Amino acid sequence: MSEQRRTPPEAAAAPPHVKNLVRTADVRIVEYTLRPGEANPWHYHSEVTDRVYCLEGLIGVDLREPPARVVLRPGESHEVPVGAVHHVGNAGNGTSRYLLIQALGQYDFIKAG
C-alpha cells in the first residue's frame, strides 16, 4: 500500500496555532492551540461529525440544544453529531491543544447566529 501525502492549499495560510494534518474527500484532522479565553464561533456541520480530542490543558465543548458543556482533559474526547450547533474553546488558564477529527462526509462550517 503506497502512502500519499498532500498539503492542503489552506495549510500555507493557516495561523500558527492551527496545523492542518490530514484532509481527504471525507476526513479532516486539524490540531488547534488555544490561548486562555480563545474559542471558535458557534457553528454546525451539515455532513460531518466532530470528534474533539484533548491533547493539553482543558478544552470546553459547548452545545446549544439542548444546552450542555463538556470539559475535556488530556486523553479525553467528545463527539458532536451532525447538525448540532456548538463551539470549542480553551476552558483553562493556560495554553490548551486539541485534535479536531471530522468524518465522514464533505466538510463545511456554517456559522450559527
PDB file of N, CA and C in Angstrom:
ATOM      1  N   MET A   1       0.850  -1.171   0.000  1.00  0.00           N
ATOM      2  CA  MET A   1       0.000   0.000   0.000  1.00  0.00           C
ATOM      3  C   MET A   1       0.895   1.233   0.000  1.00  0.00           C
ATOM      4  N   SER A   2       0.713   2.120  -0.942  1.00  0.00           N
ATOM      5  CA  SER A   2       1.547   3.316  -1.017  1.00  0.00           C
ATOM      6  C   SER A   2       0.902   4.443  -0.227  1.00  0.00           C
ATOM      7  N   GLU A   3       1.744   5.243   0.380  1.00  0.00           N
ATOM      8  CA  GLU A   3       1.265   6.374   1.168  1.00  0.00           C
ATOM      9  C   GLU A   3       1.383   7.638   0.346  1.00  0.00           C
ATOM     10  N   GLN A   4       0.307   8.398   0.296  1.00  0.00           N
ATOM     11  CA  GLN A   4       0.329   9.673  -0.413  1.00  0.00           C
ATOM     12  C   GLN A   4       0.189  10.786   0.607  1.00  0.00           C
ATOM     13  N   ARG A   5       1.039  11.781   0.498  1.00  0.00           N
ATOM     14  CA  ARG A   5       0.942  12.954   1.367  1.00  0.00           C
ATOM     15  C   ARG A   5       0.559  14.134   0.520  1.00  0.00           C
ATOM     16  N   ARG A   6      -0.437  14.834   0.977  1.00  0.00           N
ATOM     17  CA  ARG A   6      -0.875  16.038   0.279  1.00  0.00           C
ATOM     18  C   ARG A   6      -0.915  17.176   1.274  1.00  0.00           C
ATOM     19  N   THR A   7      -0.482  18.312   0.844  1.00  0.00           N
ATOM     20  CA  THR A   7      -0.585  19.510   1.657  1.00  0.00           C
ATOM     21  C   THR A   7      -1.788  20.292   1.164  1.00  0.00           C
ATOM     22  N   PRO A   8      -2.814  20.416   2.026  1.00  0.00           N
ATOM     23  CA  PRO A   8      -3.982  21.159   1.587  1.00  0.00           C
ATOM     24  C   PRO A   8      -3.630  22.602   1.291  1.00  0.00           C
ATOM     25  N   PRO A   9      -4.277  23.229   0.312  1.00  0.00           N
ATOM     26  CA  PRO A   9      -3.953  24.606  -0.053  1.00  0.00           C
ATOM     27  C   PRO A   9      -4.079  25.568   1.112  1.00  0.00           C
ATOM     28  N   GLU A  10      -5.024  25.319   2.015  1.00  0.00           N
ATOM     29  CA  GLU A  10      -5.218  26.251   3.120  1.00  0.00           C
ATOM     30  C   GLU A  10      -4.135  26.118   4.179  1.00  0.00           C
ATOM     31  N   ALA A  11      -3.313  25.067   4.154  1.00  0.00           N
ATOM     32  CA  ALA A  11      -2.277  24.868   5.162  1.00  0.00           C
ATOM     33  C   ALA A  11      -1.273  26.020   5.167  1.00  0.00           C
ATOM     34  N   ALA A  12      -0.913  26.523   4.011  1.00  0.00           N
ATOM     35  CA  ALA A  12       0.061  27.607   3.935  1.00  0.00           C
ATOM     36  C   ALA A  12      -0.477  28.887   4.559  1.00  0.00           C
ATOM     37  N   ALA A  13      -1.786  29.070   4.518  1.00  0.00           N
ATOM     38  CA  ALA A  13      -2.391  30.290   5.029  1.00  0.00           C
ATOM     39  C   ALA A  13      -2.895  30.140   6.464  1.00  0.00           C
ATOM     40  N   ALA A  14      -2.800  28.942   7.057  1.00  0.00           N
ATOM     41  CA  ALA A  14      -3.326  28.714   8.394  1.00  0.00           C
ATOM     42  C   ALA A  14      -2.524  29.499   9.429  1.00  0.00           C
ATOM     43  N   PRO A  15      -3.206  30.052  10.442  1.00  0.00           N
ATOM     44  CA  PRO A  15      -2.486  30.746  11.511  1.00  0.00           C
ATOM     45  C   PRO A  15      -1.541  29.772  12.212  1.00  0.00           C
ATOM     46  N   PRO A  16      -0.518  30.285  12.900  1.00  0.00           N
ATOM     47  CA  PRO A  16       0.460  29.399  13.533  1.00  0.00           C
ATOM     48  C   PRO A  16      -0.146  28.462  14.570  1.00  0.00           C
ATOM     49  N   HIS A  17      -1.310  28.820  15.137  1.00  0.00           N
ATOM     50  CA  HIS A  17      -1.926  27.976  16.163  1.00  0.00           C
ATOM     51  C   HIS A  17      -2.860  26.913  15.568  1.00  0.00           C
ATOM     52  N   VAL A  18      -2.886  26.781  14.249  1.00  0.00           N
ATOM     53  CA  VAL A  18      -3.702  25.780  13.561  1.00  0.00           C
ATOM     54  C   VAL A  18      -2.803  24.975  12.639  1.00  0.00           C
ATOM     55  N   LYS A  19      -2.779  23.655  12.838  1.00  0.00           N
ATOM     56  CA  LYS A  19      -1.993  22.775  11.968  1.00  0.00           C
ATOM     57  C   LYS A  19      -2.940  21.821  11.253  1.00  0.00           C
ATOM     58  N   ASN A  20      -3.014  21.933   9.933  1.00  0.00           N
ATOM     59  CA  ASN A  20      -3.811  21.005   9.138  1.00  0.00           C
ATOM     60  C   ASN A  20      -2.986  19.738   8.955  1.00  0.00           C
ATOM     61  N   LEU A  21      -3.436  18.624   9.530  1.00  0.00           N
ATOM     62  CA  LEU A  21      -2.682  17.379   9.496  1.00  0.00           C
ATOM     63  C   LEU A  21      -3.119  16.449   8.373  1.00  0.00           C
ATOM     64  N   VAL A  22      -4.428  16.323   8.162  1.00  0.00           N
ATOM     65  CA  VAL A  22      -4.963  15.424   7.135  1.00  0.00           C
ATOM     66  C   VAL A  22      -6.191  16.065   6.513  1.00  0.00           C
ATOM     67  N   ARG A  23      -6.288  15.960   5.198  1.00  0.00           N
ATOM     68  CA  ARG A  23      -7.509  16.392   4.527  1.00  0.00           C
ATOM     69  C   ARG A  23      -7.700  15.528   3.287  1.00  0.00           C
ATOM     70  N   THR A  24      -8.793  14.767   3.296  1.00  0.00           N
ATOM     71  CA  THR A  24      -9.176  13.957   2.140  1.00  0.00           C
ATOM     72  C   THR A  24     -10.589  14.373   1.771  1.00  0.00           C
ATOM     73  N   ALA A  25     -11.187  13.650   0.843  1.00  0.00           N
ATOM     74  CA  ALA A  25     -12.550  13.983   0.419  1.00  0.00           C
ATOM     75  C   ALA A  25     -13.555  13.886   1.568  1.00  0.00           C
ATOM     76  N   ASP A  26     -13.311  13.007   2.551  1.00  0.00           N
ATOM     77  CA  ASP A  26     -14.298  12.850   3.624  1.00  0.00           C
ATOM     78  C   ASP A  26     -13.711  12.764   5.030  1.00  0.00           C
ATOM     79  N   VAL A  27     -12.451  13.127   5.204  1.00  0.00           N
ATOM     80  CA  VAL A  27     -11.821  13.155   6.530  1.00  0.00           C
ATOM     81  C   VAL A  27     -10.946  14.405   6.640  1.00  0.00           C
ATOM     82  N   ARG A  28     -11.003  15.038   7.812  1.00  0.00           N
ATOM     83  CA  ARG A  28     -10.183  16.224   8.071  1.00  0.00           C
ATOM     84  C   ARG A  28      -9.705  16.144   9.511  1.00  0.00           C
ATOM     85  N   ILE A  29      -8.385  16.304   9.729  1.00  0.00           N
ATOM     86  CA  ILE A  29      -7.821  16.301  11.079  1.00  0.00           C
ATOM     87  C   ILE A  29      -6.962  17.553  11.226  1.00  0.00           C
ATOM     88  N   VAL A  30      -7.281  18.335  12.254  1.00  0.00           N
ATOM     89  CA  VAL A  30      -6.613  19.614  12.487  1.00  0.00           C
ATOM     90  C   VAL A  30      -6.220  19.682  13.959  1.00  0.00           C
ATOM     91  N   GLU A  31      -5.011  20.200  14.230  1.00  0.00           N
ATOM     92  CA  GLU A  31      -4.582  20.447  15.603  1.00  0.00           C
ATOM     93  C   GLU A  31      -4.707  21.935  15.887  1.00  0.00           C
ATOM     94  N   TYR A  32      -5.407  22.269  16.975  1.00  0.00           N
ATOM     95  CA  TYR A  32      -5.584  23.655  17.394  1.00  0.00           C
ATOM     96  C   TYR A  32      -4.856  23.897  18.701  1.00  0.00           C
ATOM     97  N   THR A  33      -4.203  25.047  18.813  1.00  0.00           N
ATOM     98  CA  THR A  33      -3.610  25.510  20.063  1.00  0.00           C
ATOM     99  C   THR A  33      -4.337  26.796  20.427  1.00  0.00           C
ATOM    100  N   LEU A  34      -4.895  26.827  21.630  1.00  0.00           N
ATOM    101  CA  LEU A  34      -5.698  27.971  22.060  1.00  0.00           C
ATOM    102  C   LEU A  34      -5.101  28.608  23.305  1.00  0.00           C
ATOM    103  N   ARG A  35      -5.033  29.924  23.287  1.00  0.00           N
ATOM    104  CA  ARG A  35      -4.637  30.683  24.475  1.00  0.00           C
ATOM    105  C   ARG A  35      -5.866  30.808  25.378  1.00  0.00           C
ATOM    106  N   PRO A  36      -5.659  31.173  26.649  1.00  0.00           N
ATOM    107  CA  PRO A  36      -6.802  31.349  27.555  1.00  0.00           C
ATOM    108  C   PRO A  36      -7.842  32.301  26.955  1.00  0.00           C
ATOM    109  N   GLY A  37      -9.093  31.900  27.018  1.00  0.00           N
ATOM    110  CA  GLY A  37     -10.185  32.721  26.517  1.00  0.00           C
ATOM    111  C   GLY A  37     -10.499  32.543  25.043  1.00  0.00           C
ATOM    112  N   GLU A  38      -9.640  31.870  24.277  1.00  0.00           N
ATOM    113  CA  GLU A  38      -9.903  31.685  22.841  1.00  0.00           C
ATOM    114  C   GLU A  38     -10.934  30.567  22.614  1.00  0.00           C
ATOM    115  N   ALA A  39     -11.769  30.782  21.602  1.00  0.00           N
ATOM    116  CA  ALA A  39     -12.783  29.799  21.211  1.00  0.00           C
ATOM    117  C   ALA A  39     -13.165  30.059  19.765  1.00  0.00           C
ATOM    118  N   ASN A  40     -13.694  29.048  19.111  1.00  0.00           N
ATOM    119  CA  ASN A  40     -14.212  29.275  17.761  1.00  0.00           C
ATOM    120  C   ASN A  40     -15.669  29.729  17.862  1.00  0.00           C
ATOM    121  N   PRO A  41     -16.224  30.324  16.807  1.00  0.00           N
ATOM    122  CA  PRO A  41     -17.610  30.804  16.874  1.00  0.00           C
ATOM    123  C   PRO A  41     -18.613  29.641  16.882  1.00  0.00           C
ATOM    124  N   TRP A  42     -19.826  29.955  17.329  1.00  0.00           N
ATOM    125  CA  TRP A  42     -20.901  28.964  17.264  1.00  0.00           C
ATOM    126  C   TRP A  42     -21.113  28.582  15.804  1.00  0.00           C
ATOM    127  N   HIS A  43     -21.230  27.276  15.547  1.00  0.00           N
ATOM    128  CA  HIS A  43     -21.387  26.796  14.175  1.00  0.00           C
ATOM    129  C   HIS A  43     -21.937  25.366  14.185  1.00  0.00           C
ATOM    130  N   TYR A  44     -22.181  24.853  12.992  1.00  0.00           N
ATOM    131  CA  TYR A  44     -22.574  23.445  12.844  1.00  0.00           C
ATOM    132  C   TYR A  44     -22.086  22.945  11.495  1.00  0.00           C
ATOM    133  N   HIS A  45     -22.205  21.641  11.296  1.00  0.00           N
ATOM    134  CA  HIS A  45     -21.799  20.998  10.046  1.00  0.00           C
ATOM    135  C   HIS A  45     -22.981  20.191   9.520  1.00  0.00           C
ATOM    136  N   SER A  46     -23.194  20.233   8.215  1.00  0.00           N
ATOM    137  CA  SER A  46     -24.342  19.548   7.627  1.00  0.00           C
ATOM    138  C   SER A  46     -24.077  18.086   7.296  1.00  0.00           C
ATOM    139  N   GLU A  47     -22.795  17.669   7.255  1.00  0.00           N
ATOM    140  CA  GLU A  47     -22.485  16.281   6.914  1.00  0.00           C
ATOM    141  C   GLU A  47     -21.537  15.593   7.883  1.00  0.00           C
ATOM    142  N   VAL A  48     -20.575  16.307   8.442  1.00  0.00           N
ATOM    143  CA  VAL A  48     -19.533  15.656   9.236  1.00  0.00           C
ATOM    144  C   VAL A  48     -19.806  15.732  10.730  1.00  0.00           C
ATOM    145  N   THR A  49     -19.345  14.707  11.449  1.00  0.00           N
ATOM    146  CA  THR A  49     -19.323  14.763  12.908  1.00  0.00           C
ATOM    147  C   THR A  49     -17.975  15.330  13.327  1.00  0.00           C
ATOM    148  N   ASP A  50     -17.949  15.953  14.477  1.00  0.00           N
ATOM    149  CA  ASP A  50     -16.708  16.441  15.065  1.00  0.00           C
ATOM    150  C   ASP A  50     -16.337  15.517  16.216  1.00  0.00           C
ATOM    151  N   ARG A  51     -15.103  15.066  16.242  1.00  0.00           N
ATOM    152  CA  ARG A  51     -14.561  14.365  17.410  1.00  0.00           C
ATOM    153  C   ARG A  51     -13.467  15.272  17.946  1.00  0.00           C
ATOM    154  N   VAL A  52     -13.652  15.785  19.155  1.00  0.00           N
ATOM    155  CA  VAL A  52     -12.699  16.685  19.795  1.00  0.00           C
ATOM    156  C   VAL A  52     -11.888  15.852  20.779  1.00  0.00           C
ATOM    157  N   TYR A  53     -10.575  15.823  20.586  1.00  0.00           N
ATOM    158  CA  TYR A  53      -9.671  15.034  21.418  1.00  0.00           C
ATOM    159  C   TYR A  53      -8.674  15.974  22.090  1.00  0.00           C
ATOM    160  N   CYS A  54      -8.732  16.068  23.413  1.00  0.00           N
ATOM    161  CA  CYS A  54      -7.870  16.988  24.161  1.00  0.00           C
ATOM    162  C   CYS A  54      -6.448  16.445  24.247  1.00  0.00           C
ATOM    163  N   LEU A  55      -5.480  17.285  23.886  1.00  0.00           N
ATOM    164  CA  LEU A  55      -4.060  16.940  23.962  1.00  0.00           C
ATOM    165  C   LEU A  55      -3.375  17.571  25.167  1.00  0.00           C
ATOM    166  N   GLU A  56      -3.799  18.799  25.524  1.00  0.00           N
ATOM    167  CA  GLU A  56      -3.117  19.554  26.583  1.00  0.00           C
ATOM    168  C   GLU A  56      -4.090  20.554  27.181  1.00  0.00           C
ATOM    169  N   GLY A  57      -4.007  20.778  28.485  1.00  0.00           N
ATOM    170  CA  GLY A  57      -4.856  21.769  29.139  1.00  0.00           C
ATOM    171  C   GLY A  57      -6.283  21.289  29.282  1.00  0.00           C
ATOM    172  N   LEU A  58      -7.223  22.232  29.238  1.00  0.00           N
ATOM    173  CA  LEU A  58      -8.652  21.937  29.334  1.00  0.00           C
ATOM    174  C   LEU A  58      -9.354  22.478  28.099  1.00  0.00           C
ATOM    175  N   ILE A  59     -10.204  21.674  27.496  1.00  0.00           N
ATOM    176  CA  ILE A  59     -10.972  22.067  26.315  1.00  0.00           C
ATOM    177  C   ILE A  59     -12.459  21.979  26.645  1.00  0.00           C
ATOM    178  N   GLY A  60     -13.181  23.066  26.404  1.00  0.00           N
ATOM    179  CA  GLY A  60     -14.623  23.079  26.619  1.00  0.00           C
ATOM    180  C   GLY A  60     -15.355  22.900  25.302  1.00  0.00           C
ATOM    181  N   VAL A  61     -16.320  21.989  25.286  1.00  0.00           N
ATOM    182  CA  VAL A  61     -17.186  21.774  24.132  1.00  0.00           C
ATOM    183  C   VAL A  61     -18.593  22.150  24.580  1.00  0.00           C
ATOM    184  N   ASP A  62     -19.143  23.208  23.974  1.00  0.00           N
ATOM    185  CA  ASP A  62     -20.472  23.691  24.333  1.00  0.00           C
ATOM    186  C   ASP A  62     -21.462  23.373  23.231  1.00  0.00           C
ATOM    187  N   LEU A  63     -22.623  22.853  23.619  1.00  0.00           N
ATOM    188  CA  LEU A  63     -23.720  22.561  22.693  1.00  0.00           C
ATOM    189  C   LEU A  63     -24.875  23.500  23.007  1.00  0.00           C
ATOM    190  N   ARG A  64     -25.556  23.935  21.957  1.00  0.00           N
ATOM    191  CA  ARG A  64     -26.636  24.905  22.141  1.00  0.00           C
ATOM    192  C   ARG A  64     -27.965  24.235  22.482  1.00  0.00           C
ATOM    193  N   GLU A  65     -28.324  23.149  21.809  1.00  0.00           N
ATOM    194  CA  GLU A  65     -29.624  22.486  22.012  1.00  0.00           C
ATOM    195  C   GLU A  65     -29.476  20.982  22.112  1.00  0.00           C
ATOM    196  N   PRO A  66     -29.779  20.385  23.229  1.00  0.00           N
ATOM    197  CA  PRO A  66     -30.038  21.052  24.497  1.00  0.00           C
ATOM    198  C   PRO A  66     -28.744  21.643  25.043  1.00  0.00           C
ATOM    199  N   PRO A  67     -28.847  22.703  25.828  1.00  0.00           N
ATOM    200  CA  PRO A  67     -27.645  23.340  26.352  1.00  0.00           C
ATOM    201  C   PRO A  67     -26.817  22.347  27.178  1.00  0.00           C
ATOM    202  N   ALA A  68     -25.546  22.251  26.847  1.00  0.00           N
ATOM    203  CA  ALA A  68     -24.660  21.338  27.574  1.00  0.00           C
ATOM    204  C   ALA A  68     -23.230  21.818  27.427  1.00  0.00           C
ATOM    205  N   ARG A  69     -22.412  21.480  28.416  1.00  0.00           N
ATOM    206  CA  ARG A  69     -20.982  21.804  28.375  1.00  0.00           C
ATOM    207  C   ARG A  69     -20.207  20.587  28.856  1.00  0.00           C
ATOM    208  N   VAL A  70     -19.225  20.198  28.077  1.00  0.00           N
ATOM    209  CA  VAL A  70     -18.331  19.106  28.433  1.00  0.00           C
ATOM    210  C   VAL A  70     -16.928  19.691  28.513  1.00  0.00           C
ATOM    211  N   VAL A  71     -16.214  19.437  29.612  1.00  0.00           N
ATOM    212  CA  VAL A  71     -14.840  19.882  29.749  1.00  0.00           C
ATOM    213  C   VAL A  71     -13.947  18.652  29.648  1.00  0.00           C
ATOM    214  N   LEU A  72     -13.034  18.693  28.669  1.00  0.00           N
ATOM    215  CA  LEU A  72     -12.149  17.570  28.403  1.00  0.00           C
ATOM    216  C   LEU A  72     -10.761  17.826  28.977  1.00  0.00           C
ATOM    217  N   ARG A  73     -10.180  16.757  29.503  1.00  0.00           N
ATOM    218  CA  ARG A  73      -8.799  16.769  29.968  1.00  0.00           C
ATOM    219  C   ARG A  73      -7.962  15.956  28.989  1.00  0.00           C
ATOM    220  N   PRO A  74      -6.635  16.085  29.040  1.00  0.00           N
ATOM    221  CA  PRO A  74      -5.804  15.324  28.105  1.00  0.00           C
ATOM    222  C   PRO A  74      -6.159  13.836  28.073  1.00  0.00           C
ATOM    223  N   GLY A  75      -6.328  13.335  26.845  1.00  0.00           N
ATOM    224  CA  GLY A  75      -6.685  11.936  26.636  1.00  0.00           C
ATOM    225  C   GLY A  75      -8.182  11.684  26.529  1.00  0.00           C
ATOM    226  N   GLU A  76      -9.001  12.708  26.828  1.00  0.00           N
ATOM    227  CA  GLU A  76     -10.456  12.551  26.740  1.00  0.00           C
ATOM    228  C   GLU A  76     -10.954  13.128  25.424  1.00  0.00           C
ATOM    229  N   SER A  77     -12.105  12.595  24.957  1.00  0.00           N
ATOM    230  CA  SER A  77     -12.686  13.100  23.711  1.00  0.00           C
ATOM    231  C   SER A  77     -14.201  13.182  23.839  1.00  0.00           C
ATOM    232  N   HIS A  78     -14.780  13.908  22.897  1.00  0.00           N
ATOM    233  CA  HIS A  78     -16.239  14.073  22.841  1.00  0.00           C
ATOM    234  C   HIS A  78     -16.651  14.184  21.382  1.00  0.00           C
ATOM    235  N   GLU A  79     -17.759  13.546  21.039  1.00  0.00           N
ATOM    236  CA  GLU A  79     -18.263  13.606  19.664  1.00  0.00           C
ATOM    237  C   GLU A  79     -19.449  14.559  19.579  1.00  0.00           C
ATOM    238  N   VAL A  80     -19.408  15.432  18.576  1.00  0.00           N
ATOM    239  CA  VAL A  80     -20.505  16.362  18.293  1.00  0.00           C
ATOM    240  C   VAL A  80     -21.196  15.857  17.036  1.00  0.00           C
ATOM    241  N   PRO A  81     -22.480  15.505  17.126  1.00  0.00           N
ATOM    242  CA  PRO A  81     -23.158  14.941  15.959  1.00  0.00           C
ATOM    243  C   PRO A  81     -23.426  15.959  14.853  1.00  0.00           C
ATOM    244  N   VAL A  82     -23.665  15.446  13.676  1.00  0.00           N
ATOM    245  CA  VAL A  82     -24.022  16.270  12.517  1.00  0.00           C
ATOM    246  C   VAL A  82     -25.205  17.168  12.883  1.00  0.00           C
ATOM    247  N   GLY A  83     -25.111  18.436  12.518  1.00  0.00           N
ATOM    248  CA  GLY A  83     -26.217  19.369  12.708  1.00  0.00           C
ATOM    249  C   GLY A  83     -26.284  20.035  14.070  1.00  0.00           C
ATOM    250  N   ALA A  84     -25.498  19.584  15.044  1.00  0.00           N
ATOM    251  CA  ALA A  84     -25.548  20.167  16.385  1.00  0.00           C
ATOM    252  C   ALA A  84     -24.775  21.492  16.406  1.00  0.00           C
ATOM    253  N   VAL A  85     -25.425  22.556  16.845  1.00  0.00           N
ATOM    254  CA  VAL A  85     -24.765  23.863  16.964  1.00  0.00           C
ATOM    255  C   VAL A  85     -23.855  23.801  18.199  1.00  0.00           C
ATOM    256  N   HIS A  86     -22.578  24.162  17.989  1.00  0.00           N
ATOM    257  CA  HIS A  86     -21.586  24.009  19.051  1.00  0.00           C
ATOM    258  C   HIS A  86     -20.431  24.984  18.871  1.00  0.00           C
ATOM    259  N   HIS A  87     -19.596  25.067  19.897  1.00  0.00           N
ATOM    260  CA  HIS A  87     -18.304  25.725  19.765  1.00  0.00           C
ATOM    261  C   HIS A  87     -17.331  25.089  20.744  1.00  0.00           C
ATOM    262  N   VAL A  88     -16.050  25.245  20.437  1.00  0.00           N
ATOM    263  CA  VAL A  88     -14.981  24.629  21.221  1.00  0.00           C
ATOM    264  C   VAL A  88     -14.041  25.746  21.657  1.00  0.00           C
ATOM    265  N   GLY A  89     -13.631  25.703  22.924  1.00  0.00           N
ATOM    266  CA  GLY A  89     -12.746  26.746  23.405  1.00  0.00           C
ATOM    267  C   GLY A  89     -11.844  26.268  24.521  1.00  0.00           C
ATOM    268  N   ASN A  90     -10.909  27.126  24.881  1.00  0.00           N
ATOM    269  CA  ASN A  90      -9.997  26.861  25.981  1.00  0.00           C
ATOM    270  C   ASN A  90     -10.769  27.058  27.283  1.00  0.00           C
ATOM    271  N   ALA A  91     -10.852  26.014  28.099  1.00  0.00           N
ATOM    272  CA  ALA A  91     -11.593  26.081  29.360  1.00  0.00           C
ATOM    273  C   ALA A  91     -10.664  26.244  30.558  1.00  0.00           C
ATOM    274  N   GLY A  92      -9.384  26.528  30.294  1.00  0.00           N
ATOM    275  CA  GLY A  92      -8.423  26.649  31.385  1.00  0.00           C
ATOM    276  C   GLY A  92      -7.733  27.987  31.404  1.00  0.00           C
ATOM    277  N   ASN A  93      -6.736  28.091  32.262  1.00  0.00           N
ATOM    278  CA  ASN A  93      -5.988  29.335  32.421  1.00  0.00           C
ATOM    279  C   ASN A  93      -4.677  29.351  31.649  1.00  0.00           C
ATOM    280  N   GLY A  94      -4.277  28.213  31.098  1.00  0.00           N
ATOM    281  CA  GLY A  94      -3.036  28.129  30.335  1.00  0.00           C
ATOM    282  C   GLY A  94      -3.338  27.758  28.900  1.00  0.00           C
ATOM    283  N   THR A  95      -2.307  27.443  28.145  1.00  0.00           N
ATOM    284  CA  THR A  95      -2.468  27.017  26.759  1.00  0.00           C
ATOM    285  C   THR A  95      -3.155  25.656  26.718  1.00  0.00           C
ATOM    286  N   SER A  96      -4.056  25.482  25.764  1.00  0.00           N
ATOM    287  CA  SER A  96      -4.734  24.203  25.555  1.00  0.00           C
ATOM    288  C   SER A  96      -4.582  23.805  24.097  1.00  0.00           C
ATOM    289  N   ARG A  97      -4.485  22.487  23.855  1.00  0.00           N
ATOM    290  CA  ARG A  97      -4.386  21.969  22.477  1.00  0.00           C
ATOM    291  C   ARG A  97      -5.356  20.820  22.317  1.00  0.00           C
ATOM    292  N   TYR A  98      -5.936  20.726  21.099  1.00  0.00           N
ATOM    293  CA  TYR A  98      -6.812  19.596  20.811  1.00  0.00           C
ATOM    294  C   TYR A  98      -6.728  19.219  19.346  1.00  0.00           C
ATOM    295  N   LEU A  99      -7.084  17.964  19.094  1.00  0.00           N
ATOM    296  CA  LEU A  99      -7.245  17.494  17.726  1.00  0.00           C
ATOM    297  C   LEU A  99      -8.713  17.553  17.392  1.00  0.00           C
ATOM    298  N   LEU A 100      -9.019  18.041  16.204  1.00  0.00           N
ATOM    299  CA  LEU A 100     -10.380  18.015  15.679  1.00  0.00           C
ATOM    300  C   LEU A 100     -10.384  17.010  14.539  1.00  0.00           C
ATOM    301  N   ILE A 101     -11.160  15.956  14.709  1.00  0.00           N
ATOM    302  CA  ILE A 101     -11.260  14.894  13.710  1.00  0.00           C
ATOM    303  C   ILE A 101     -12.673  14.946  13.138  1.00  0.00           C
ATOM    304  N   GLN A 102     -12.778  15.183  11.839  1.00  0.00           N
ATOM    305  CA  GLN A 102     -14.075  15.315  11.181  1.00  0.00           C
ATOM    306  C   GLN A 102     -14.202  14.263  10.094  1.00  0.00           C
ATOM    307  N   ALA A 103     -15.322  13.520  10.154  1.00  0.00           N
ATOM    308  CA  ALA A 103     -15.570  12.467   9.178  1.00  0.00           C
ATOM    309  C   ALA A 103     -17.047  12.116   9.260  1.00  0.00           C
ATOM    310  N   LEU A 104     -17.550  11.456   8.506  1.00  0.00           N
ATOM    311  CA  LEU A 104     -17.368  11.042   7.132  1.00  0.00           C
ATOM    312  C   LEU A 104     -18.299  11.882   6.309  1.00  0.00           C
ATOM    313  N   GLY A 105     -17.792  12.625   5.417  1.00  0.00           N
ATOM    314  CA  GLY A 105     -18.602  13.483   4.564  1.00  0.00           C
ATOM    315  C   GLY A 105     -17.856  14.739   4.196  1.00  0.00           C
ATOM    316  N   GLN A 106     -18.465  15.526   3.347  1.00  0.00           N
ATOM    317  CA  GLN A 106     -17.877  16.775   2.882  1.00  0.00           C
ATOM    318  C   GLN A 106     -17.861  17.787   4.020  1.00  0.00           C
ATOM    319  N   TYR A 107     -16.713  18.415   4.252  1.00  0.00           N
ATOM    320  CA  TYR A 107     -16.562  19.400   5.321  1.00  0.00           C
ATOM    321  C   TYR A 107     -17.255  20.704   4.948  1.00  0.00           C
ATOM    322  N   ASP A 108     -17.949  21.266   5.927  1.00  0.00           N
ATOM    323  CA  ASP A 108     -18.468  22.625   5.810  1.00  0.00           C
ATOM    324  C   ASP A 108     -18.464  23.249   7.204  1.00  0.00           C
ATOM    325  N   PHE A 109     -18.516  24.557   7.279  1.00  0.00           N
ATOM    326  CA  PHE A 109     -18.523  25.312   8.529  1.00  0.00           C
ATOM    327  C   PHE A 109     -19.586  26.352   8.385  1.00  0.00           C
ATOM    328  N   ILE A 110     -20.732  26.155   9.041  1.00  0.00           N
ATOM    329  CA  ILE A 110     -21.868  27.050   8.909  1.00  0.00           C
ATOM    330  C   ILE A 110     -22.040  27.815  10.230  1.00  0.00           C
ATOM    331  N   LYS A 111     -21.773  29.124  10.192  1.00  0.00           N
ATOM    332  CA  LYS A 111     -21.902  29.944  11.398  1.00  0.00           C
ATOM    333  C   LYS A 111     -23.363  29.989  11.840  1.00  0.00           C
ATOM    334  N   ALA A 112     -23.553  29.917  13.150  1.00  0.00           N
ATOM    335  CA  ALA A 112     -24.890  29.994  13.736  1.00  0.00           C
ATOM    336  C   ALA A 112     -25.033  31.344  14.423  1.00  0.00           C
ATOM    337  N   GLY A 113     -26.161  31.956  14.254  1.00  0.00           N
ATOM    338  CA  GLY A 113     -26.391  33.265  14.852  1.00  0.00           C
ATOM    339  C   GLY A 113     -26.688  33.223  16.299  1.00  0.00           C
TER     340      GLY A 113
END
